[in-house]
Amino acid sequence: QVQLVESGGGLVQAGDSLRLSCAASGRTFSYYVMGWFRQAPGKEREIVASVNWSLGSTYYANSVKGRFTISRDNAKNTVYLQMNSLKPEDTAVYSCAARSPGNNRYNYWGQGTQVTVSS
């Protein structure tokens, strides 16, 4: 069982940086694949980045490659999303999620944190 809580969202200007945090409860945090998703009003949810600690692999959406970095601190049960060179189109509610490595679907979701990037 995993419970996730996001934080770090806010209002920034284009070109600024922001770091999102996702705190997870549980003693087997490193076991889960962790992902960051975002959803703008009226639009579908899309995956932004994910990290598989067991495999040492990461994934990034093409729209954020070179700008965003996902990382995790297993000792603190926290996953981060460092967002640099933010663009207005990055504006969305960002949510973290978790899944077991053998599953295709993310089973656990946080409540989301708002990121707004002004021009």
PDB file of N, CA and C in Angstrom:
ATOM      1  N   GLN A   1       0.843  -1.177   0.000  1.00  0.00           N
ATOM      2  CA  GLN A   1       0.000   0.000   0.000  1.00  0.00           C
ATOM      3  C   GLN A   1       0.887   1.239   0.000  1.00  0.00           C
ATOM      4  N   VAL A   2       0.542   2.191  -0.862  1.00  0.00           N
ATOM      5  CA  VAL A   2       1.328   3.399  -1.020  1.00  0.00           C
ATOM      6  C   VAL A   2       0.405   4.609  -0.970  1.00  0.00           C
ATOM      7  N   GLN A   3       0.802   5.599  -0.201  1.00  0.00           N
ATOM      8  CA  GLN A   3       0.117   6.880  -0.175  1.00  0.00           C
ATOM      9  C   GLN A   3       1.098   7.963  -0.591  1.00  0.00           C
ATOM     10  N   LEU A   4       0.657   8.845  -1.488  1.00  0.00           N
ATOM     11  CA  LEU A   4       1.527   9.837  -2.092  1.00  0.00           C
ATOM     12  C   LEU A   4       0.981  11.239  -1.879  1.00  0.00           C
ATOM     13  N   VAL A   5       1.877  12.181  -1.580  1.00  0.00           N
ATOM     14  CA  VAL A   5       1.507  13.574  -1.372  1.00  0.00           C
ATOM     15  C   VAL A   5       2.495  14.458  -2.108  1.00  0.00           C
ATOM     16  N   GLU A   6       1.993  15.242  -3.075  1.00  0.00           N
ATOM     17  CA  GLU A   6       2.842  16.144  -3.848  1.00  0.00           C
ATOM     18  C   GLU A   6       2.917  17.520  -3.197  1.00  0.00           C
ATOM     19  N   SER A   7       4.009  18.218  -3.487  1.00  0.00           N
ATOM     20  CA  SER A   7       4.181  19.588  -3.044  1.00  0.00           C
ATOM     21  C   SER A   7       5.187  20.282  -3.947  1.00  0.00           C
ATOM     22  N   GLY A   8       5.260  21.599  -3.846  1.00  0.00           N
ATOM     23  CA  GLY A   8       6.258  22.360  -4.578  1.00  0.00           C
ATOM     24  C   GLY A   8       5.737  23.131  -5.771  1.00  0.00           C
ATOM     25  N   GLY A   9       4.467  22.991  -6.085  1.00  0.00           N
ATOM     26  CA  GLY A   9       3.906  23.728  -7.198  1.00  0.00           C
ATOM     27  C   GLY A   9       3.776  25.206  -6.881  1.00  0.00           C
ATOM     28  N   GLY A  10       3.486  25.987  -7.908  1.00  0.00           N
ATOM     29  CA  GLY A  10       3.336  27.415  -7.719  1.00  0.00           C
ATOM     30  C   GLY A  10       3.273  28.155  -9.031  1.00  0.00           C
ATOM     31  N   LEU A  11       3.329  29.476  -8.937  1.00  0.00           N
ATOM     32  CA  LEU A  11       3.294  30.357 -10.096  1.00  0.00           C
ATOM     33  C   LEU A  11       4.696  30.867 -10.382  1.00  0.00           C
ATOM     34  N   VAL A  12       5.169  30.632 -11.596  1.00  0.00           N
ATOM     35  CA  VAL A  12       6.499  31.070 -12.006  1.00  0.00           C
ATOM     36  C   VAL A  12       6.418  31.682 -13.394  1.00  0.00           C
ATOM     37  N   GLN A  13       7.493  32.337 -13.786  1.00  0.00           N
ATOM     38  CA  GLN A  13       7.589  32.929 -15.111  1.00  0.00           C
ATOM     39  C   GLN A  13       8.296  31.985 -16.065  1.00  0.00           C
ATOM     40  N   ALA A  14       8.019  32.143 -17.338  1.00  0.00           N
ATOM     41  CA  ALA A  14       8.691  31.348 -18.354  1.00  0.00           C
ATOM     42  C   ALA A  14      10.202  31.472 -18.208  1.00  0.00           C
ATOM     43  N   GLY A  15      10.883  30.338 -18.293  1.00  0.00           N
ATOM     44  CA  GLY A  15      12.321  30.305 -18.134  1.00  0.00           C
ATOM     45  C   GLY A  15      12.775  29.991 -16.723  1.00  0.00           C
ATOM     46  N   ASP A  16      11.868  30.066 -15.767  1.00  0.00           N
ATOM     47  CA  ASP A  16      12.206  29.777 -14.375  1.00  0.00           C
ATOM     48  C   ASP A  16      12.297  28.279 -14.130  1.00  0.00           C
ATOM     49  N   SER A  17      12.727  27.937 -12.926  1.00  0.00           N
ATOM     50  CA  SER A  17      12.837  26.549 -12.502  1.00  0.00           C
ATOM     51  C   SER A  17      11.956  26.293 -11.295  1.00  0.00           C
ATOM     52  N   LEU A  18      11.580  25.047 -11.133  1.00  0.00           N
ATOM     53  CA  LEU A  18      10.741  24.644 -10.022  1.00  0.00           C
ATOM     54  C   LEU A  18      11.018  23.178  -9.722  1.00  0.00           C
ATOM     55  N   ARG A  19      11.014  22.828  -8.454  1.00  0.00           N
ATOM     56  CA  ARG A  19      11.199  21.437  -8.063  1.00  0.00           C
ATOM     57  C   ARG A  19       9.970  20.936  -7.330  1.00  0.00           C
ATOM     58  N   LEU A  20       9.394  19.875  -7.843  1.00  0.00           N
ATOM     59  CA  LEU A  20       8.258  19.228  -7.216  1.00  0.00           C
ATOM     60  C   LEU A  20       8.736  18.057  -6.369  1.00  0.00           C
ATOM     61  N   SER A  21       8.042  17.819  -5.269  1.00  0.00           N
ATOM     62  CA  SER A  21       8.357  16.701  -4.395  1.00  0.00           C
ATOM     63  C   SER A  21       7.135  15.823  -4.223  1.00  0.00           C
ATOM     64  N   CYS A  22       7.376  14.548  -4.058  1.00  0.00           N
ATOM     65  CA  CYS A  22       6.306  13.588  -3.806  1.00  0.00           C
ATOM     66  C   CYS A  22       6.751  12.691  -2.669  1.00  0.00           C
ATOM     67  N   ALA A  23       6.109  12.851  -1.530  1.00  0.00           N
ATOM     68  CA  ALA A  23       6.428  12.053  -0.355  1.00  0.00           C
ATOM     69  C   ALA A  23       5.546  10.814  -0.324  1.00  0.00           C
ATOM     70  N   ALA A  24       6.160   9.670  -0.134  1.00  0.00           N
ATOM     71  CA  ALA A  24       5.450   8.396  -0.128  1.00  0.00           C
ATOM     72  C   ALA A  24       5.537   7.742   1.242  1.00  0.00           C
ATOM     73  N   SER A  25       4.461   7.130   1.633  1.00  0.00           N
ATOM     74  CA  SER A  25       4.447   6.353   2.868  1.00  0.00           C
ATOM     75  C   SER A  25       4.672   4.890   2.540  1.00  0.00           C
ATOM     76  N   GLY A  26       5.355   4.203   3.437  1.00  0.00           N
ATOM     77  CA  GLY A  26       5.648   2.806   3.223  1.00  0.00           C
ATOM     78  C   GLY A  26       7.124   2.506   3.407  1.00  0.00           C
ATOM     79  N   ARG A  27       7.422   1.258   3.704  1.00  0.00           N
ATOM     80  CA  ARG A  27       8.802   0.872   3.966  1.00  0.00           C
ATOM     81  C   ARG A  27       9.504   0.247   2.771  1.00  0.00           C
ATOM     82  N   THR A  28       8.794   0.058   1.665  1.00  0.00           N
ATOM     83  CA  THR A  28       9.371  -0.535   0.465  1.00  0.00           C
ATOM     84  C   THR A  28       9.304   0.423  -0.711  1.00  0.00           C
ATOM     85  N   PHE A  29       9.590   1.695  -0.463  1.00  0.00           N
ATOM     86  CA  PHE A  29       9.483   2.726  -1.473  1.00  0.00           C
ATOM     87  C   PHE A  29      10.336   2.434  -2.703  1.00  0.00           C
ATOM     88  N   SER A  30      11.557   1.959  -2.501  1.00  0.00           N
ATOM     89  CA  SER A  30      12.471   1.743  -3.612  1.00  0.00           C
ATOM     90  C   SER A  30      11.994   0.655  -4.566  1.00  0.00           C
ATOM     91  N   TYR A  31      11.072  -0.166  -4.143  1.00  0.00           N
ATOM     92  CA  TYR A  31      10.554  -1.252  -4.971  1.00  0.00           C
ATOM     93  C   TYR A  31       9.689  -0.730  -6.115  1.00  0.00           C
ATOM     94  N   TYR A  32       9.012   0.374  -5.911  1.00  0.00           N
ATOM     95  CA  TYR A  32       8.022   0.852  -6.862  1.00  0.00           C
ATOM     96  C   TYR A  32       8.644   1.688  -7.969  1.00  0.00           C
ATOM     97  N   VAL A  33       8.075   1.545  -9.154  1.00  0.00           N
ATOM     98  CA  VAL A  33       8.339   2.480 -10.234  1.00  0.00           C
ATOM     99  C   VAL A  33       7.539   3.749  -9.956  1.00  0.00           C
ATOM    100  N   MET A  34       8.205   4.886  -9.976  1.00  0.00           N
ATOM    101  CA  MET A  34       7.564   6.151  -9.675  1.00  0.00           C
ATOM    102  C   MET A  34       7.472   7.003 -10.934  1.00  0.00           C
ATOM    103  N   GLY A  35       6.335   7.637 -11.107  1.00  0.00           N
ATOM    104  CA  GLY A  35       6.133   8.469 -12.275  1.00  0.00           C
ATOM    105  C   GLY A  35       5.526   9.811 -11.930  1.00  0.00           C
ATOM    106  N   TRP A  36       5.786  10.788 -12.787  1.00  0.00           N
ATOM    107  CA  TRP A  36       5.144  12.094 -12.717  1.00  0.00           C
ATOM    108  C   TRP A  36       4.248  12.260 -13.934  1.00  0.00           C
ATOM    109  N   PHE A  37       3.023  12.677 -13.686  1.00  0.00           N
ATOM    110  CA  PHE A  37       2.050  12.935 -14.732  1.00  0.00           C
ATOM    111  C   PHE A  37       1.569  14.369 -14.616  1.00  0.00           C
ATOM    112  N   ARG A  38       0.988  14.874 -15.687  1.00  0.00           N
ATOM    113  CA  ARG A  38       0.393  16.197 -15.636  1.00  0.00           C
ATOM    114  C   ARG A  38      -0.889  16.223 -16.453  1.00  0.00           C
ATOM    115  N   GLN A  39      -1.789  17.106 -16.054  1.00  0.00           N
ATOM    116  CA  GLN A  39      -3.061  17.246 -16.743  1.00  0.00           C
ATOM    117  C   GLN A  39      -3.523  18.692 -16.675  1.00  0.00           C
ATOM    118  N   ALA A  40      -3.729  19.275 -17.833  1.00  0.00           N
ATOM    119  CA  ALA A  40      -4.280  20.611 -17.923  1.00  0.00           C
ATOM    120  C   ALA A  40      -5.795  20.509 -18.019  1.00  0.00           C
ATOM    121  N   PRO A  41      -6.526  21.541 -17.589  1.00  0.00           N
ATOM    122  CA  PRO A  41      -7.991  21.502 -17.669  1.00  0.00           C
ATOM    123  C   PRO A  41      -8.479  21.209 -19.076  1.00  0.00           C
ATOM    124  N   GLY A  42      -9.381  20.239 -19.195  1.00  0.00           N
ATOM    125  CA  GLY A  42      -9.934  19.882 -20.480  1.00  0.00           C
ATOM    126  C   GLY A  42      -9.042  19.020 -21.346  1.00  0.00           C
ATOM    127  N   LYS A  43      -7.882  18.624 -20.841  1.00  0.00           N
ATOM    128  CA  LYS A  43      -6.953  17.815 -21.605  1.00  0.00           C
ATOM    129  C   LYS A  43      -6.700  16.487 -20.905  1.00  0.00           C
ATOM    130  N   GLU A  44      -6.199  15.528 -21.663  1.00  0.00           N
ATOM    131  CA  GLU A  44      -5.900  14.218 -21.116  1.00  0.00           C
ATOM    132  C   GLU A  44      -4.649  14.248 -20.255  1.00  0.00           C
ATOM    133  N   ARG A  45      -4.618  13.347 -19.293  1.00  0.00           N
ATOM    134  CA  ARG A  45      -3.434  13.197 -18.476  1.00  0.00           C
ATOM    135  C   ARG A  45      -2.310  12.583 -19.313  1.00  0.00           C
ATOM    136  N   GLU A  46      -1.098  13.085 -19.137  1.00  0.00           N
ATOM    137  CA  GLU A  46       0.039  12.562 -19.866  1.00  0.00           C
ATOM    138  C   GLU A  46       1.195  12.299 -18.915  1.00  0.00           C
ATOM    139  N   ILE A  47       1.971  11.293 -19.231  1.00  0.00           N
ATOM    140  CA  ILE A  47       3.134  10.988 -18.420  1.00  0.00           C
ATOM    141  C   ILE A  47       4.253  11.956 -18.776  1.00  0.00           C
ATOM    142  N   VAL A  48       4.927  12.438 -17.759  1.00  0.00           N
ATOM    143  CA  VAL A  48       6.022  13.378 -17.929  1.00  0.00           C
ATOM    144  C   VAL A  48       7.365  12.677 -17.783  1.00  0.00           C
ATOM    145  N   ALA A  49       7.500  11.881 -16.734  1.00  0.00           N
ATOM    146  CA  ALA A  49       8.750  11.190 -16.460  1.00  0.00           C
ATOM    147  C   ALA A  49       8.491  10.041 -15.512  1.00  0.00           C
ATOM    148  N   SER A  50       9.384   9.078 -15.508  1.00  0.00           N
ATOM    149  CA  SER A  50       9.292   7.962 -14.575  1.00  0.00           C
ATOM    150  C   SER A  50      10.684   7.453 -14.265  1.00  0.00           C
ATOM    151  N   VAL A  51      10.801   6.780 -13.138  1.00  0.00           N
ATOM    152  CA  VAL A  51      12.080   6.209 -12.738  1.00  0.00           C
ATOM    153  C   VAL A  51      11.844   4.816 -12.177  1.00  0.00           C
ATOM    154  N   ASN A  52      12.617   3.877 -12.673  1.00  0.00           N
ATOM    155  CA  ASN A  52      12.607   2.507 -12.188  1.00  0.00           C
ATOM    156  C   ASN A  52      13.918   2.284 -11.446  1.00  0.00           C
ATOM    157  N   TRP A  53      13.861   2.328 -10.133  1.00  0.00           N
ATOM    158  CA  TRP A  53      15.066   2.223  -9.329  1.00  0.00           C
ATOM    159  C   TRP A  53      15.730   0.856  -9.466  1.00  0.00           C
ATOM    160  N   SER A  54      14.917  -0.193  -9.558  1.00  0.00           N
ATOM    161  CA  SER A  54      15.457  -1.542  -9.661  1.00  0.00           C
ATOM    162  C   SER A  54      16.287  -1.720 -10.928  1.00  0.00           C
ATOM    163  N   LEU A  55      15.835  -1.146 -12.026  1.00  0.00           N
ATOM    164  CA  LEU A  55      16.536  -1.256 -13.295  1.00  0.00           C
ATOM    165  C   LEU A  55      17.495  -0.098 -13.544  1.00  0.00           C
ATOM    166  N   GLY A  56      17.405   0.929 -12.731  1.00  0.00           N
ATOM    167  CA  GLY A  56      18.239   2.094 -12.942  1.00  0.00           C
ATOM    168  C   GLY A  56      17.907   2.834 -14.216  1.00  0.00           C
ATOM    169  N   SER A  57      16.638   2.849 -14.582  1.00  0.00           N
ATOM    170  CA  SER A  57      16.216   3.461 -15.832  1.00  0.00           C
ATOM    171  C   SER A  57      15.261   4.618 -15.580  1.00  0.00           C
ATOM    172  N   THR A  58      15.254   5.552 -16.510  1.00  0.00           N
ATOM    173  CA  THR A  58      14.341   6.687 -16.469  1.00  0.00           C
ATOM    174  C   THR A  58      13.677   6.858 -17.820  1.00  0.00           C
ATOM    175  N   TYR A  59      12.547   7.522 -17.802  1.00  0.00           N
ATOM    176  CA  TYR A  59      11.817   7.837 -19.020  1.00  0.00           C
ATOM    177  C   TYR A  59      11.383   9.294 -18.969  1.00  0.00           C
ATOM    178  N   TYR A  60      11.439   9.960 -20.122  1.00  0.00           N
ATOM    179  CA  TYR A  60      10.972  11.333 -20.228  1.00  0.00           C
ATOM    180  C   TYR A  60      10.136  11.507 -21.477  1.00  0.00           C
ATOM    181  N   ALA A  61       9.063  12.250 -21.345  1.00  0.00           N
ATOM    182  CA  ALA A  61       8.296  12.635 -22.515  1.00  0.00           C
ATOM    183  C   ALA A  61       9.145  13.533 -23.398  1.00  0.00           C
ATOM    184  N   ASN A  62       8.938  13.444 -24.699  1.00  0.00           N
ATOM    185  CA  ASN A  62       9.726  14.250 -25.624  1.00  0.00           C
ATOM    186  C   ASN A  62       9.611  15.747 -25.334  1.00  0.00           C
ATOM    187  N   SER A  63       8.461  16.159 -24.850  1.00  0.00           N
ATOM    188  CA  SER A  63       8.225  17.568 -24.612  1.00  0.00           C
ATOM    189  C   SER A  63       9.052  18.139 -23.468  1.00  0.00           C
ATOM    190  N   VAL A  64       9.603  17.272 -22.618  1.00  0.00           N
ATOM    191  CA  VAL A  64      10.349  17.754 -21.453  1.00  0.00           C
ATOM    192  C   VAL A  64      11.792  17.292 -21.443  1.00  0.00           C
ATOM    193  N   LYS A  65      12.206  16.501 -22.413  1.00  0.00           N
ATOM    194  CA  LYS A  65      13.581  16.021 -22.456  1.00  0.00           C
ATOM    195  C   LYS A  65      14.562  17.187 -22.501  1.00  0.00           C
ATOM    196  N   GLY A  66      15.577  17.095 -21.675  1.00  0.00           N
ATOM    197  CA  GLY A  66      16.570  18.145 -21.600  1.00  0.00           C
ATOM    198  C   GLY A  66      16.215  19.258 -20.655  1.00  0.00           C
ATOM    199  N   ARG A  67      14.966  19.302 -20.189  1.00  0.00           N
ATOM    200  CA  ARG A  67      14.521  20.361 -19.281  1.00  0.00           C
ATOM    201  C   ARG A  67      14.149  19.831 -17.902  1.00  0.00           C
ATOM    202  N   PHE A  68      13.551  18.646 -17.852  1.00  0.00           N
ATOM    203  CA  PHE A  68      13.094  18.066 -16.593  1.00  0.00           C
ATOM    204  C   PHE A  68      13.993  16.903 -16.191  1.00  0.00           C
ATOM    205  N   THR A  69      14.132  16.704 -14.896  1.00  0.00           N
ATOM    206  CA  THR A  69      14.901  15.589 -14.365  1.00  0.00           C
ATOM    207  C   THR A  69      14.138  14.952 -13.211  1.00  0.00           C
ATOM    208  N   ILE A  70      13.939  13.648 -13.291  1.00  0.00           N
ATOM    209  CA  ILE A  70      13.297  12.929 -12.204  1.00  0.00           C
ATOM    210  C   ILE A  70      14.379  12.260 -11.357  1.00  0.00           C
ATOM    211  N   SER A  71      14.198  12.295 -10.067  1.00  0.00           N
ATOM    212  CA  SER A  71      15.138  11.669  -9.153  1.00  0.00           C
ATOM    213  C   SER A  71      14.383  11.202  -7.919  1.00  0.00           C
ATOM    214  N   ARG A  72      15.056  10.414  -7.102  1.00  0.00           N
ATOM    215  CA  ARG A  72      14.405   9.927  -5.893  1.00  0.00           C
ATOM    216  C   ARG A  72      15.411   9.776  -4.773  1.00  0.00           C
ATOM    217  N   ASP A  73      14.934   9.991  -3.571  1.00  0.00           N
ATOM    218  CA  ASP A  73      15.713   9.795  -2.364  1.00  0.00           C
ATOM    219  C   ASP A  73      15.026   8.673  -1.601  1.00  0.00           C
ATOM    220  N   ASN A  74      15.543   7.479  -1.730  1.00  0.00           N
ATOM    221  CA  ASN A  74      14.895   6.325  -1.129  1.00  0.00           C
ATOM    222  C   ASN A  74      14.900   6.380   0.396  1.00  0.00           C
ATOM    223  N   ALA A  75      15.925   6.994   0.971  1.00  0.00           N
ATOM    224  CA  ALA A  75      15.990   7.119   2.417  1.00  0.00           C
ATOM    225  C   ALA A  75      14.868   7.996   2.950  1.00  0.00           C
ATOM    226  N   LYS A  76      14.432   8.966   2.148  1.00  0.00           N
ATOM    227  CA  LYS A  76      13.359   9.869   2.548  1.00  0.00           C
ATOM    228  C   LYS A  76      12.013   9.497   1.937  1.00  0.00           C
ATOM    229  N   ASN A  77      11.981   8.415   1.182  1.00  0.00           N
ATOM    230  CA  ASN A  77      10.746   7.991   0.520  1.00  0.00           C
ATOM    231  C   ASN A  77      10.142   9.132  -0.302  1.00  0.00           C
ATOM    232  N   THR A  78      10.982   9.798  -1.067  1.00  0.00           N
ATOM    233  CA  THR A  78      10.560  10.972  -1.813  1.00  0.00           C
ATOM    234  C   THR A  78      11.088  10.919  -3.240  1.00  0.00           C
ATOM    235  N   VAL A  79      10.234  11.262  -4.187  1.00  0.00           N
ATOM    236  CA  VAL A  79      10.634  11.392  -5.579  1.00  0.00           C
ATOM    237  C   VAL A  79      10.482  12.857  -5.967  1.00  0.00           C
ATOM    238  N   TYR A  80      11.394  13.345  -6.814  1.00  0.00           N
ATOM    239  CA  TYR A  80      11.425  14.744  -7.196  1.00  0.00           C
ATOM    240  C   TYR A  80      11.293  14.889  -8.699  1.00  0.00           C
ATOM    241  N   LEU A  81      10.801  16.042  -9.101  1.00  0.00           N
ATOM    242  CA  LEU A  81      10.809  16.428 -10.500  1.00  0.00           C
ATOM    243  C   LEU A  81      11.388  17.828 -10.586  1.00  0.00           C
ATOM    244  N   GLN A  82      12.628  17.918 -11.052  1.00  0.00           N
ATOM    245  CA  GLN A  82      13.274  19.203 -11.257  1.00  0.00           C
ATOM    246  C   GLN A  82      12.893  19.714 -12.633  1.00  0.00           C
ATOM    247  N   MET A  83      12.259  20.867 -12.682  1.00  0.00           N
ATOM    248  CA  MET A  83      11.772  21.437 -13.923  1.00  0.00           C
ATOM    249  C   MET A  83      12.521  22.730 -14.205  1.00  0.00           C
ATOM    250  N   ASN A  84      13.270  22.740 -15.294  1.00  0.00           N
ATOM    251  CA  ASN A  84      14.028  23.909 -15.707  1.00  0.00           C
ATOM    252  C   ASN A  84      13.478  24.450 -17.016  1.00  0.00           C
ATOM    253  N   SER A  85      13.806  25.694 -17.309  1.00  0.00           N
ATOM    254  CA  SER A  85      13.380  26.338 -18.549  1.00  0.00           C
ATOM    255  C   SER A  85      11.889  26.147 -18.789  1.00  0.00           C
ATOM    256  N   LEU A  86      11.107  26.434 -17.781  1.00  0.00           N
ATOM    257  CA  LEU A  86       9.673  26.208 -17.854  1.00  0.00           C
ATOM    258  C   LEU A  86       9.022  27.063 -18.935  1.00  0.00           C
ATOM    259  N   LYS A  87       8.020  26.485 -19.574  1.00  0.00           N
ATOM    260  CA  LYS A  87       7.274  27.132 -20.632  1.00  0.00           C
ATOM    261  C   LYS A  87       5.808  27.234 -20.233  1.00  0.00           C
ATOM    262  N   PRO A  88       5.077  28.182 -20.805  1.00  0.00           N
ATOM    263  CA  PRO A  88       3.645  28.277 -20.489  1.00  0.00           C
ATOM    264  C   PRO A  88       2.892  26.976 -20.735  1.00  0.00           C
ATOM    265  N   GLU A  89       3.299  26.215 -21.738  1.00  0.00           N
ATOM    266  CA  GLU A  89       2.633  24.961 -22.027  1.00  0.00           C
ATOM    267  C   GLU A  89       2.890  23.884 -20.978  1.00  0.00           C
ATOM    268  N   ASP A  90       3.781  24.148 -20.032  1.00  0.00           N
ATOM    269  CA  ASP A  90       3.993  23.235 -18.915  1.00  0.00           C
ATOM    270  C   ASP A  90       2.939  23.410 -17.829  1.00  0.00           C
ATOM    271  N   THR A  91       2.114  24.426 -17.946  1.00  0.00           N
ATOM    272  CA  THR A  91       1.079  24.686 -16.960  1.00  0.00           C
ATOM    273  C   THR A  91       0.115  23.507 -16.873  1.00  0.00           C
ATOM    274  N   ALA A  92      -0.051  22.970 -15.672  1.00  0.00           N
ATOM    275  CA  ALA A  92      -0.906  21.804 -15.465  1.00  0.00           C
ATOM    276  C   ALA A  92      -0.902  21.442 -13.987  1.00  0.00           C
ATOM    277  N   VAL A  93      -1.775  20.520 -13.639  1.00  0.00           N
ATOM    278  CA  VAL A  93      -1.711  19.881 -12.333  1.00  0.00           C
ATOM    279  C   VAL A  93      -0.786  18.683 -12.463  1.00  0.00           C
ATOM    280  N   TYR A  94       0.240  18.657 -11.648  1.00  0.00           N
ATOM    281  CA  TYR A  94       1.222  17.582 -11.688  1.00  0.00           C
ATOM    282  C   TYR A  94       0.948  16.599 -10.563  1.00  0.00           C
ATOM    283  N   SER A  95       0.901  15.323 -10.906  1.00  0.00           N
ATOM    284  CA  SER A  95       0.628  14.270  -9.939  1.00  0.00           C
ATOM    285  C   SER A  95       1.725  13.223  -9.989  1.00  0.00           C
ATOM    286  N   CYS A  96       2.062  12.686  -8.842  1.00  0.00           N
ATOM    287  CA  CYS A  96       2.979  11.561  -8.814  1.00  0.00           C
ATOM    288  C   CYS A  96       2.186  10.274  -8.671  1.00  0.00           C
ATOM    289  N   ALA A  97       2.767   9.191  -9.134  1.00  0.00           N
ATOM    290  CA  ALA A  97       2.094   7.909  -9.124  1.00  0.00           C
ATOM    291  C   ALA A  97       3.108   6.801  -8.919  1.00  0.00           C
ATOM    292  N   ALA A  98       2.617   5.646  -8.517  1.00  0.00           N
ATOM    293  CA  ALA A  98       3.478   4.506  -8.250  1.00  0.00           C
ATOM    294  C   ALA A  98       2.857   3.230  -8.801  1.00  0.00           C
ATOM    295  N   ARG A  99       3.714   2.321  -9.237  1.00  0.00           N
ATOM    296  CA  ARG A  99       3.271   1.009  -9.687  1.00  0.00           C
ATOM    297  C   ARG A  99       4.334  -0.014  -9.363  1.00  0.00           C
ATOM    298  N   SER A 100       3.916  -1.248  -9.257  1.00  0.00           N
ATOM    299  CA  SER A 100       4.853  -2.339  -9.087  1.00  0.00           C
ATOM    300  C   SER A 100       5.580  -2.573 -10.398  1.00  0.00           C
ATOM    301  N   PRO A 101       6.849  -2.966 -10.354  1.00  0.00           N
ATOM    302  CA  PRO A 101       7.621  -3.161 -11.594  1.00  0.00           C
ATOM    303  C   PRO A 101       6.972  -4.123 -12.578  1.00  0.00           C
ATOM    304  N   GLY A 102       6.247  -5.118 -12.092  1.00  0.00           N
ATOM    305  CA  GLY A 102       5.631  -6.090 -12.972  1.00  0.00           C
ATOM    306  C   GLY A 102       4.286  -5.677 -13.540  1.00  0.00           C
ATOM    307  N   ASN A 103       3.775  -4.535 -13.134  1.00  0.00           N
ATOM    308  CA  ASN A 103       2.481  -4.052 -13.600  1.00  0.00           C
ATOM    309  C   ASN A 103       2.635  -3.036 -14.713  1.00  0.00           C
ATOM    310  N   ASN A 104       1.618  -2.938 -15.544  1.00  0.00           N
ATOM    311  CA  ASN A 104       1.593  -1.949 -16.613  1.00  0.00           C
ATOM    312  C   ASN A 104       0.907  -0.659 -16.194  1.00  0.00           C
ATOM    313  N   ARG A 105       0.053  -0.727 -15.204  1.00  0.00           N
ATOM    314  CA  ARG A 105      -0.730   0.415 -14.767  1.00  0.00           C
ATOM    315  C   ARG A 105      -0.198   0.954 -13.450  1.00  0.00           C
ATOM    316  N   TYR A 106      -0.279   2.283 -13.319  1.00  0.00           N
ATOM    317  CA  TYR A 106       0.038   2.935 -12.052  1.00  0.00           C
ATOM    318  C   TYR A 106      -1.170   2.817 -11.135  1.00  0.00           C
ATOM    319  N   ASN A 107      -0.972   2.220  -9.982  1.00  0.00           N
ATOM    320  CA  ASN A 107      -2.063   1.893  -9.085  1.00  0.00           C
ATOM    321  C   ASN A 107      -2.313   2.937  -8.008  1.00  0.00           C
ATOM    322  N   TYR A 108      -1.296   3.721  -7.688  1.00  0.00           N
ATOM    323  CA  TYR A 108      -1.393   4.679  -6.596  1.00  0.00           C
ATOM    324  C   TYR A 108      -1.111   6.077  -7.106  1.00  0.00           C
ATOM    325  N   TRP A 109      -1.929   7.029  -6.645  1.00  0.00           N
ATOM    326  CA  TRP A 109      -1.852   8.400  -7.132  1.00  0.00           C
ATOM    327  C   TRP A 109      -1.906   9.401  -5.995  1.00  0.00           C
ATOM    328  N   GLY A 110      -1.179  10.496  -6.156  1.00  0.00           N
ATOM    329  CA  GLY A 110      -1.278  11.604  -5.240  1.00  0.00           C
ATOM    330  C   GLY A 110      -2.401  12.541  -5.643  1.00  0.00           C
ATOM    331  N   GLN A 111      -2.604  13.588  -4.865  1.00  0.00           N
ATOM    332  CA  GLN A 111      -3.710  14.516  -5.105  1.00  0.00           C
ATOM    333  C   GLN A 111      -3.386  15.576  -6.150  1.00  0.00           C
ATOM    334  N   GLY A 112      -2.122  15.774  -6.443  1.00  0.00           N
ATOM    335  CA  GLY A 112      -1.716  16.729  -7.450  1.00  0.00           C
ATOM    336  C   GLY A 112      -1.312  18.072  -6.872  1.00  0.00           C
ATOM    337  N   THR A 113      -0.432  18.767  -7.594  1.00  0.00           N
ATOM    338  CA  THR A 113      -0.018  20.116  -7.224  1.00  0.00           C
ATOM    339  C   THR A 113      -0.005  20.982  -8.477  1.00  0.00           C
ATOM    340  N   GLN A 114      -0.515  22.200  -8.357  1.00  0.00           N
ATOM    341  CA  GLN A 114      -0.680  23.077  -9.506  1.00  0.00           C
ATOM    342  C   GLN A 114       0.629  23.771  -9.859  1.00  0.00           C
ATOM    343  N   VAL A 115       0.972  23.732 -11.140  1.00  0.00           N
ATOM    344  CA  VAL A 115       2.104  24.484 -11.676  1.00  0.00           C
ATOM    345  C   VAL A 115       1.573  25.420 -12.747  1.00  0.00           C
ATOM    346  N   THR A 116       1.817  26.707 -12.577  1.00  0.00           N
ATOM    347  CA  THR A 116       1.379  27.704 -13.543  1.00  0.00           C
ATOM    348  C   THR A 116       2.585  28.503 -14.012  1.00  0.00           C
ATOM    349  N   VAL A 117       2.789  28.540 -15.322  1.00  0.00           N
ATOM    350  CA  VAL A 117       3.920  29.245 -15.916  1.00  0.00           C
ATOM    351  C   VAL A 117       3.380  30.389 -16.758  1.00  0.00           C
ATOM    352  N   SER A 118       3.730  31.602 -16.389  1.00  0.00           N
ATOM    353  CA  SER A 118       3.266  32.776 -17.105  1.00  0.00           C
ATOM    354  C   SER A 118       4.259  33.156 -18.195  1.00  0.00           C
ATOM    355  N   SER A 119       3.766  33.861 -19.211  1.00  0.00           N
ATOM    356  CA  SER A 119       4.607  34.281 -20.326  1.00  0.00           C
ATOM    357  C   SER A 119       5.500  35.441 -19.930  1.00  0.00           C
TER     358      SER A 119
END
